Protein backbone atom coordinates (compact mmCIF):
# COMPACT_ATOMS: atom_id res chain seq x y z
CA PRO A 1 28.39 44.34 34.27
CA ALA A 2 28.81 40.96 35.98
CA GLY A 3 25.36 40.94 37.53
CA GLY A 4 23.73 41.70 34.24
CA GLY A 5 25.72 38.95 32.55
CA ALA A 6 24.79 36.42 35.16
CA GLY A 7 21.12 37.20 34.81
CA ALA A 8 21.24 36.97 31.11
CA GLY A 9 23.09 33.66 31.36
CA SER A 10 20.44 32.32 33.70
CA ARG A 11 17.64 33.24 31.30
CA ARG A 12 19.51 31.68 28.39
CA GLY A 13 19.98 28.50 30.37
CA ALA A 14 16.30 28.38 31.28
CA ILE A 15 15.34 28.79 27.69
CA SER A 16 17.80 26.30 26.46
CA GLU A 17 16.64 23.71 28.94
CA ARG A 18 12.96 24.19 28.02
CA ARG A 19 11.75 21.35 25.88
CA ALA A 20 9.68 21.84 22.78
CA PRO A 21 6.22 20.38 22.90
CA ALA A 22 6.19 16.83 21.92
CA ALA A 23 4.82 16.29 18.46
CA LEU A 24 1.58 14.54 18.16
CA PRO A 25 1.67 11.16 16.54
CA ASP A 26 0.86 11.31 12.79
CA ALA A 27 -2.48 9.65 13.12
CA ALA A 28 -3.64 11.87 16.05
CA ALA A 29 -2.44 15.01 14.25
CA ARG A 30 -4.28 14.00 11.06
CA THR A 31 -7.48 13.31 13.03
CA ALA A 32 -7.22 16.63 14.73
CA ARG A 33 -6.86 18.49 11.41
CA LEU A 34 -9.86 16.53 10.04
CA LEU A 35 -12.03 17.33 13.00
CA ALA A 36 -11.13 21.00 12.62
CA LEU A 37 -12.34 20.76 8.98
CA ASP A 38 -15.47 18.99 10.28
CA ALA A 39 -16.13 21.94 12.55
CA ARG A 40 -15.76 24.41 9.62
CA LEU A 41 -18.10 22.25 7.52
CA VAL A 42 -20.78 22.23 10.26
CA ALA A 43 -20.52 25.97 10.53
CA VAL A 44 -21.00 26.74 6.79
CA ALA A 45 -23.19 23.90 5.31
CA PRO A 46 -26.46 24.73 7.16
CA ARG A 47 -26.56 28.09 5.32
CA VAL A 48 -27.23 26.13 2.13
CA LYS A 49 -30.87 25.23 2.38
CA VAL A 50 -32.17 23.68 -0.80
CA LEU A 51 -35.85 22.91 -0.43
CA SER A 52 -36.81 26.02 1.55
CA ARG A 53 -35.08 28.23 -1.09
CA LEU A 54 -37.03 26.54 -3.86
CA SER A 55 -40.47 26.81 -2.37
CA TRP A 56 -43.29 28.45 -4.35
CA PRO A 57 -45.86 31.02 -3.06
CA ASP A 58 -48.60 29.52 -0.99
CA ASP A 59 -51.40 30.60 -3.33
CA GLU A 60 -49.78 29.47 -6.68
CA GLY A 61 -51.69 26.18 -6.56
CA ALA A 62 -55.02 27.79 -6.14
CA ARG A 63 -54.44 30.20 -9.07
CA PHE A 64 -53.25 27.45 -11.37
CA LEU A 65 -56.22 25.17 -10.59
CA MET A 66 -58.70 27.99 -11.02
CA ALA A 67 -57.43 28.68 -14.51
CA TRP A 68 -57.21 24.92 -15.28
CA ARG A 69 -60.95 24.49 -14.28
CA ARG A 70 -61.88 27.41 -16.53
CA GLY A 71 -60.33 25.58 -19.45
CA ALA A 72 -57.55 28.19 -19.90
CA PRO A 73 -54.50 26.69 -18.10
CA ARG A 74 -51.58 28.97 -17.62
CA LEU A 75 -47.99 28.24 -16.54
CA PRO A 76 -47.16 29.17 -12.90
CA ALA A 77 -45.36 32.49 -12.67
CA VAL A 78 -42.51 31.90 -10.17
CA GLU A 79 -39.59 34.31 -9.79
CA PRO A 80 -36.18 32.64 -9.43
CA THR A 81 -34.35 33.39 -6.22
CA PRO A 82 -31.39 35.79 -6.63
CA PRO A 83 -27.82 34.44 -6.27
CA ALA A 84 -26.68 34.47 -2.68
CA HIS A 85 -24.36 31.61 -2.06
CA ALA A 86 -21.03 32.40 -3.71
CA GLU A 87 -19.27 32.86 -0.36
CA GLU A 88 -20.53 29.54 0.98
CA ALA A 89 -19.48 27.75 -2.23
CA ARG A 90 -15.93 29.12 -1.96
CA ALA A 91 -15.70 28.12 1.70
CA LEU A 92 -16.97 24.61 0.95
CA ASP A 93 -14.70 24.15 -1.98
CA ALA A 94 -11.78 25.09 0.31
CA ILE A 95 -12.80 22.54 2.92
CA ALA A 96 -13.00 19.85 0.25
CA GLY A 97 -9.57 20.82 -1.09
CA GLU A 98 -7.92 20.68 2.39
CA ALA A 99 -9.40 17.23 3.31
CA ASP A 100 -7.00 14.26 3.18
CA PRO A 101 -8.08 11.99 0.32
CA ASP A 102 -6.06 9.10 1.76
CA ASP A 103 -8.05 9.11 4.99
CA PRO A 104 -11.60 7.69 5.08
CA LEU A 105 -12.90 10.59 7.27
CA GLY A 106 -11.14 13.01 4.85
CA ARG A 107 -12.90 11.46 1.92
CA PHE A 108 -16.23 11.73 3.70
CA LEU A 109 -15.67 15.40 4.55
CA ALA A 110 -14.52 16.27 1.09
CA ALA A 111 -17.54 14.53 -0.59
CA THR A 112 -19.96 16.21 1.85
CA ALA A 113 -18.39 19.65 1.28
CA ARG A 114 -18.41 19.23 -2.47
CA SER A 115 -22.13 18.18 -2.23
CA TYR A 116 -23.06 21.31 -0.42
CA ALA A 117 -20.90 23.50 -2.70
CA GLN A 118 -22.79 22.04 -5.68
CA ALA A 119 -26.08 22.68 -3.97
CA ALA A 120 -25.02 26.35 -3.39
CA ARG A 121 -24.37 26.65 -7.11
CA LEU A 122 -27.67 24.97 -7.86
CA LEU A 123 -29.55 27.55 -5.81
CA ASP A 124 -27.81 30.40 -7.60
CA ALA A 125 -28.67 28.94 -10.97
CA THR A 126 -32.48 28.87 -10.42
CA GLY A 127 -34.48 29.61 -13.49
CA THR A 128 -31.57 28.91 -15.87
CA PRO A 129 -30.69 25.94 -18.08
CA ALA A 130 -27.67 25.30 -15.87
CA PHE A 131 -30.03 24.41 -13.02
CA THR A 132 -30.91 21.10 -14.62
CA GLU A 133 -27.23 20.12 -15.11
CA LEU A 134 -26.36 20.94 -11.56
CA SER A 135 -29.42 19.07 -10.30
CA VAL A 136 -28.49 16.01 -12.32
CA GLU A 137 -24.92 16.07 -10.87
CA LEU A 138 -26.48 16.08 -7.32
CA TYR A 139 -29.42 13.71 -7.72
CA GLY A 140 -28.85 11.78 -11.03
CA ARG A 141 -31.24 11.25 -13.83
CA PRO A 142 -33.79 8.40 -14.37
CA ASP A 143 -32.11 6.90 -17.49
CA ARG A 144 -28.84 6.10 -15.77
CA PRO A 145 -28.14 2.49 -14.77
CA ILE A 146 -28.36 1.39 -11.10
CA GLY A 147 -24.96 0.33 -10.06
CA ARG A 148 -23.44 -2.08 -12.65
CA CYS A 149 -26.87 -3.42 -13.67
CA ALA A 150 -28.52 -2.55 -16.92
CA LEU A 151 -31.71 -1.64 -15.15
CA THR A 152 -32.45 2.14 -14.86
CA SER A 153 -34.93 3.73 -12.48
CA LEU A 154 -36.96 4.83 -15.54
CA GLY A 155 -37.06 1.14 -16.73
CA ALA A 156 -38.05 0.00 -13.30
CA ALA A 157 -40.78 2.70 -13.05
CA GLU A 158 -42.29 1.76 -16.38
CA HIS A 159 -42.25 -1.98 -15.49
CA LEU A 160 -43.82 -1.21 -12.11
CA LEU A 161 -46.60 0.86 -13.68
CA ALA A 162 -47.26 -1.74 -16.28
CA THR A 163 -47.42 -4.62 -13.90
CA THR A 164 -49.57 -2.89 -11.29
CA ASP A 165 -52.06 -1.18 -13.61
CA ALA A 166 -54.71 -3.82 -13.24
CA LEU A 167 -53.61 -4.79 -9.74
CA ALA A 168 -54.11 -1.17 -8.55
CA ARG A 169 -57.75 -1.43 -9.54
CA ALA A 170 -58.16 -4.92 -8.09
CA VAL A 171 -56.81 -3.87 -4.67
CA ALA A 172 -57.98 -0.33 -4.49
CA ALA A 173 -57.45 1.09 -1.05
CA ASP A 174 -60.58 1.08 1.15
CA ASP A 175 -59.27 4.14 2.95
CA PRO A 176 -60.62 7.13 1.01
CA GLY A 177 -58.70 9.70 3.01
CA GLY A 178 -60.37 12.66 4.66
CA VAL A 179 -58.02 12.88 7.67
CA PRO A 180 -57.45 16.63 8.26
CA PRO A 181 -53.94 18.01 8.63
CA GLU A 182 -54.57 18.94 12.26
CA ARG A 183 -55.33 15.34 13.15
CA VAL A 184 -52.27 14.10 11.17
CA ALA A 185 -50.04 16.46 13.14
CA ALA A 186 -51.56 15.28 16.49
CA GLU A 187 -51.11 11.55 15.68
CA LEU A 188 -47.58 12.15 14.42
CA ARG A 189 -46.81 14.15 17.55
CA ALA A 190 -47.96 11.36 19.79
CA ALA A 191 -45.80 8.85 17.94
CA LEU A 192 -42.73 11.01 18.13
CA ASP A 193 -43.28 11.73 21.85
CA GLY A 194 -43.52 7.98 22.45
CA PHE A 195 -40.31 7.26 20.60
CA PHE A 196 -37.93 10.21 21.31
CA GLY A 197 -39.53 11.63 24.43
CA PRO A 198 -42.04 14.35 25.03
CA GLY A 199 -41.43 17.48 22.94
CA ALA A 200 -38.10 16.21 21.54
CA VAL A 201 -39.35 16.67 17.94
CA LYS A 202 -42.06 19.16 17.32
CA VAL A 203 -44.71 18.93 14.60
CA VAL A 204 -46.02 22.05 12.89
CA LEU A 205 -48.40 22.76 10.02
CA GLU A 206 -46.95 24.70 7.08
CA PRO A 207 -48.94 26.16 4.14
CA GLY A 208 -47.57 25.72 0.63
CA LEU A 209 -45.39 22.72 1.36
CA ALA A 210 -44.86 20.68 -1.84
CA ALA A 211 -44.43 17.36 -0.07
CA LYS A 212 -46.94 15.99 2.52
CA ALA A 213 -44.24 16.46 5.23
CA ALA A 214 -40.62 17.39 5.60
CA ALA A 215 -38.47 16.31 8.56
CA GLY A 216 -35.62 17.96 10.47
CA ALA A 217 -33.89 16.88 13.65
CA GLU A 218 -36.18 18.92 15.91
CA ARG A 219 -39.22 19.64 13.83
CA ILE A 220 -41.37 17.89 11.26
CA ARG A 221 -43.49 20.14 8.99
CA VAL A 222 -46.79 18.80 7.70
CA ARG A 223 -48.62 20.34 4.70
CA ALA A 224 -51.43 22.45 6.07
CA SER A 225 -53.75 21.99 2.98
CA GLY A 226 -55.67 18.98 1.63
CA SER A 227 -56.50 15.82 3.44
CA PHE A 228 -54.60 12.60 4.32
CA SER A 229 -55.43 8.96 4.65
CA ALA A 230 -54.94 6.83 7.79
CA LEU A 231 -52.13 4.99 5.94
CA ASP A 232 -50.51 8.41 5.18
CA VAL A 233 -50.12 8.95 8.93
CA ARG A 234 -48.45 5.55 9.45
CA GLN A 235 -46.13 6.19 6.45
CA LEU A 236 -45.08 9.56 7.82
CA VAL A 237 -44.11 7.99 11.14
CA GLU A 238 -41.93 5.38 9.49
CA HIS A 239 -40.61 7.55 6.67
CA GLU A 240 -40.26 11.08 8.18
CA ALA A 241 -39.84 10.35 11.83
CA LEU A 242 -38.08 6.99 12.19
CA VAL A 243 -35.67 7.53 9.26
CA HIS A 244 -35.24 11.14 8.37
CA ALA A 245 -35.58 12.76 11.80
CA LEU A 246 -33.85 9.79 13.48
CA THR A 247 -30.77 9.76 11.38
CA LEU A 248 -30.37 13.53 11.78
CA ARG A 249 -30.72 13.30 15.52
CA ASN A 250 -28.26 10.37 15.68
CA GLY A 251 -25.84 12.37 13.61
CA ARG A 252 -26.05 15.38 15.84
CA ALA A 253 -25.57 13.10 18.84
CA GLN A 254 -22.12 12.07 17.48
CA PRO A 255 -19.55 13.34 19.98
CA ARG A 256 -16.73 13.98 17.46
CA VAL A 257 -17.70 13.92 13.79
CA ARG A 258 -20.57 16.40 13.82
CA SER A 259 -21.01 16.63 10.07
CA LEU A 260 -22.92 13.28 10.37
CA GLY A 261 -25.75 15.40 11.56
CA LEU A 262 -25.92 17.33 8.26
CA GLY A 263 -28.47 16.44 5.54
CA ALA A 264 -26.00 16.71 2.70
CA PRO A 265 -27.53 16.34 -0.79
CA ARG A 266 -25.21 13.46 -1.55
CA THR A 267 -27.10 11.38 1.10
CA THR A 268 -30.55 12.09 -0.34
CA ARG A 269 -30.70 8.89 -2.47
CA THR A 270 -29.87 6.72 0.53
CA GLN A 271 -32.12 8.61 2.84
CA GLU A 272 -35.20 8.38 0.58
CA GLY A 273 -34.36 4.80 -0.25
CA LEU A 274 -34.10 3.75 3.38
CA ALA A 275 -37.29 5.65 4.28
CA THR A 276 -39.26 4.07 1.46
CA LEU A 277 -37.84 0.68 2.26
CA ALA A 278 -38.95 1.21 5.89
CA GLU A 279 -42.51 1.66 4.47
CA LEU A 280 -42.22 -1.70 2.67
CA LEU A 281 -40.83 -3.59 5.62
CA THR A 282 -43.36 -2.21 8.14
CA ARG A 283 -46.38 -2.79 5.62
CA THR A 284 -47.25 0.92 5.69
CA ILE A 285 -47.11 1.26 1.90
CA ASP A 286 -49.70 0.34 -0.68
CA VAL A 287 -49.72 -0.12 -4.48
CA ALA A 288 -50.98 3.41 -5.00
CA ARG A 289 -47.99 4.84 -3.14
CA LEU A 290 -45.62 2.67 -5.19
CA ARG A 291 -47.22 3.84 -8.39
CA ARG A 292 -46.85 7.49 -7.28
CA LEU A 293 -43.13 6.97 -6.88
CA ALA A 294 -42.89 5.37 -10.33
CA LEU A 295 -45.06 8.24 -11.81
CA ARG A 296 -42.57 10.78 -10.45
CA VAL A 297 -39.85 9.05 -12.46
CA THR A 298 -41.75 8.87 -15.74
CA ALA A 299 -42.90 12.49 -15.30
CA LEU A 300 -39.34 13.57 -14.56
CA ALA A 301 -38.14 11.81 -17.84
CA ARG A 302 -40.85 13.82 -19.73
CA ALA A 303 -39.78 17.07 -18.02
CA LEU A 304 -36.13 16.44 -18.98
CA GLU A 305 -37.24 15.86 -22.55
CA GLY A 306 -38.86 19.33 -22.64
CA ALA A 307 -42.42 18.88 -21.35
CA ASP A 308 -43.79 22.06 -19.61
CA PHE A 309 -45.63 22.26 -16.34
CA VAL A 310 -49.10 21.83 -17.81
CA GLU A 311 -47.96 18.75 -19.74
CA VAL A 312 -46.47 17.22 -16.63
CA PHE A 313 -49.51 18.13 -14.51
CA ARG A 314 -51.67 16.39 -17.12
CA HIS A 315 -49.40 13.33 -16.90
CA PHE A 316 -50.16 12.92 -13.21
CA LEU A 317 -53.87 13.76 -13.66
CA GLU A 318 -54.35 11.15 -16.39
CA ALA A 319 -52.62 8.55 -14.16
CA GLY A 320 -55.43 8.98 -11.58
CA GLN A 321 -54.14 11.59 -9.17
CA SER A 322 -56.49 14.35 -8.00
CA GLU A 323 -56.11 17.87 -9.36
CA GLN A 324 -54.49 19.11 -6.15
CA GLU A 325 -52.09 16.18 -5.85
CA SER A 326 -51.23 16.48 -9.54
CA PHE A 327 -50.27 20.14 -9.02
CA HIS A 328 -48.12 19.27 -6.03
CA SER A 329 -46.48 16.46 -7.93
CA ALA A 330 -45.62 18.68 -10.96
CA GLN A 331 -44.60 21.50 -8.64
CA ARG A 332 -41.92 19.21 -7.14
CA LEU A 333 -40.27 18.81 -10.52
CA PHE A 334 -40.24 22.45 -11.40
CA ARG A 335 -39.04 23.92 -8.10
CA GLY A 336 -36.19 26.22 -8.98
CA GLY A 337 -36.59 25.40 -12.67
CA ASP A 338 -38.59 27.03 -15.48
CA PRO A 339 -42.25 25.91 -15.89
CA ARG A 340 -42.02 26.50 -19.59
CA GLY A 341 -40.06 23.25 -19.87
CA GLY A 342 -36.65 22.38 -21.19
CA ARG A 343 -34.96 25.11 -19.19
CA GLY A 344 -34.75 23.85 -15.63
CA VAL A 345 -35.79 20.68 -13.93
CA PHE A 346 -35.40 19.70 -10.30
CA THR A 347 -34.40 15.97 -10.51
CA LYS A 348 -34.58 15.00 -6.81
CA ASP A 349 -37.81 13.07 -7.20
CA GLY A 350 -35.97 10.47 -9.23
CA VAL A 351 -34.02 9.28 -6.15
CA TYR A 352 -37.09 7.69 -4.32
CA LEU A 353 -37.41 4.66 -6.55
CA ASP A 354 -33.70 4.53 -7.48
CA GLY A 355 -32.85 4.75 -3.73
CA LEU A 356 -35.37 2.10 -2.79
CA LEU A 357 -33.87 -0.36 -5.28
CA ALA A 358 -30.26 0.51 -4.25
CA CYS A 359 -30.98 0.26 -0.45
CA HIS A 360 -32.93 -3.00 -0.85
CA ALA A 361 -30.02 -4.42 -2.96
CA PHE A 362 -27.43 -3.17 -0.49
CA LEU A 363 -29.21 -4.74 2.57
CA ARG A 364 -29.70 -8.00 0.76
CA LYS A 365 -26.06 -7.99 -0.28
CA ALA A 366 -24.98 -7.26 3.27
CA ILE A 367 -27.00 -10.18 4.56
CA ALA A 368 -25.61 -12.54 1.78
CA GLU A 369 -22.06 -11.51 2.69
CA GLU A 370 -22.76 -11.94 6.50
CA ARG A 371 -22.38 -8.18 7.11
CA PRO A 372 -25.45 -7.17 9.20
CA ASP A 373 -23.36 -4.52 10.84
CA LEU A 374 -23.58 -2.47 7.75
CA VAL A 375 -27.32 -2.06 8.22
CA HIS A 376 -26.68 -0.85 11.77
CA ARG A 377 -24.17 1.70 10.59
CA LEU A 378 -26.51 3.39 8.09
CA PHE A 379 -28.45 4.87 11.03
CA ALA A 380 -25.47 6.43 12.83
CA GLY A 381 -26.12 9.73 10.97
CA ARG A 382 -26.75 11.00 7.49
CA LEU A 383 -24.67 8.59 5.35
CA ALA A 384 -24.61 7.43 1.72
CA LEU A 385 -24.49 3.72 1.23
CA GLY A 386 -20.80 3.69 0.40
CA ASP A 387 -19.97 5.60 3.65
CA ALA A 388 -21.04 2.50 5.61
CA LEU A 389 -18.10 0.69 4.03
CA ASP A 390 -15.54 3.50 3.66
CA LEU A 391 -15.94 4.74 7.29
CA GLU A 392 -15.34 1.24 8.70
CA PRO A 393 -11.96 2.33 10.32
CA CYS A 394 -13.80 5.17 11.98
CA PHE A 395 -16.48 2.92 13.44
CA ALA A 396 -13.77 0.44 14.58
CA SER A 397 -11.72 3.15 16.34
CA GLY A 398 -14.79 4.83 17.98
CA LEU A 399 -14.33 8.03 16.12
CA VAL A 400 -17.80 7.44 14.83
CA THR A 401 -20.20 5.94 17.38
CA PRO A 402 -23.03 3.56 16.95
CA PRO A 403 -26.56 4.97 16.44
CA ALA A 404 -28.30 6.32 19.52
CA HIS A 405 -31.73 5.33 18.07
CA GLU A 406 -32.76 2.70 15.55
CA PRO A 407 -36.26 2.06 14.04
CA PRO A 408 -37.90 -1.10 15.44
CA TRP A 409 -37.50 -2.98 12.16
CA VAL A 410 -33.72 -2.40 12.32
CA ARG A 411 -33.48 -3.34 16.01
CA ASP A 412 -35.17 -6.71 15.35
CA ARG A 413 -32.16 -8.01 13.48
CA PRO A 414 -33.16 -11.66 13.40
CA ALA A 415 -36.49 -10.84 11.69
CA LEU A 416 -34.75 -8.38 9.28
CA ALA A 417 -32.10 -10.96 8.45
CA ALA A 418 -34.80 -13.61 7.81
CA THR A 419 -36.79 -11.30 5.57
CA LEU A 420 -33.74 -10.29 3.42
CA ALA A 421 -32.33 -13.83 3.34
CA PHE A 422 -35.69 -15.25 2.04
CA SER A 423 -35.85 -12.43 -0.57
CA LEU A 424 -32.47 -13.60 -1.85
CA VAL A 425 -33.87 -17.11 -2.50
CA ALA A 426 -37.29 -15.96 -3.78
CA GLY A 427 -35.65 -13.62 -6.18
CA ARG A 428 -34.11 -16.60 -8.01
CA LEU A 429 -37.52 -17.88 -9.14
CA ASP A 430 -38.33 -16.99 -12.73
CA LEU A 431 -41.96 -16.05 -12.59
CA ASP A 432 -42.13 -15.96 -16.37
CA ALA A 433 -41.31 -19.70 -16.43
CA LEU A 434 -44.05 -20.50 -13.88
CA ALA A 435 -47.82 -20.83 -14.13
CA LEU A 436 -50.19 -20.76 -11.23
CA GLU A 437 -51.22 -24.28 -12.07
CA ASP A 438 -47.60 -25.43 -11.69
CA LEU A 439 -47.52 -24.44 -7.96
């Protein structure tokens, strides 16, 4: 019928005149796809919790030390955690596969997703020989060269221990310790409230913690057993609060790239390096602390060669650590592994000295090449050193924003630049060619 035909024609006309949505420019479309992947990554990655999954029972230390003091040491009996991360690993692998490798943000997302996927597989391999291999892929091993240098962190650790052996006795700390965990928590809480605002970052005591403290964006956990020194408290402020917690909070404050607020395993070397460098630059470190970092590396090398828990414990004890600290130090290397030795070692403790050397060299190189902005970028979230370079277009475009907070030693750029610039010059002096009488 005529009426029906006219109506149909009008509808066809309306449809034919309707314009298709304008296509987004290629760059905007690519960014939108990558931010969608970023959102998926932020949804999945936090389910892969490495350190909490590798923790030991709270009373294992007391049992071990009781047997040790009786003269009948026994290996800790720790059950491996059952596999539980296959779904997360698949999801993370998919994100890495979909990220555009030609885009700097795409490379960052892919590397972060792969890092978490590897961590998921590491957790599911606890107690097996594969655990060590996966741990080495994530955190490295102490006999690998640092960058293009011939120096390894093991070589650096052995040199540091040899050159500070007599010095450690000559400048033994006057602070004997004895600060209870409750007071440490109170002093740390006061420092955090003063920097981030009241209650922004909570401090809690946690039994059985292998490290003296562990930092998140909203909470710092402090080991509830043993005692601390006054210097320990200052170190925890600079290391845990003003690097680890600060970078996480800055990352979570990013308005668009939210995965900068994830503590991906691939950023561990940079994080621990920056945090330990902060101790050096703020004079909250001592020779004993440097030697502890070096001892972790030499002990790790022994564990990778097949030493069991008791042998590694004895290595720390003979180096001067207390029984309790020697247990905690050995425990750190066997979390998730096999205390019998040769079957599973957690290699994360090798990154402290390695990361310190790498971060110090990176900052010196940045000053030498007149790039102080690179130091600034490292605090915009959880980044690896290379990310500060690779994400340059993202910083320039505003896709990644500057850090909301910076430690005081970073804010004082002139003083930092002067310190690093002088270290470049001083490093050229050959001490072996000098005698005290020559100076």
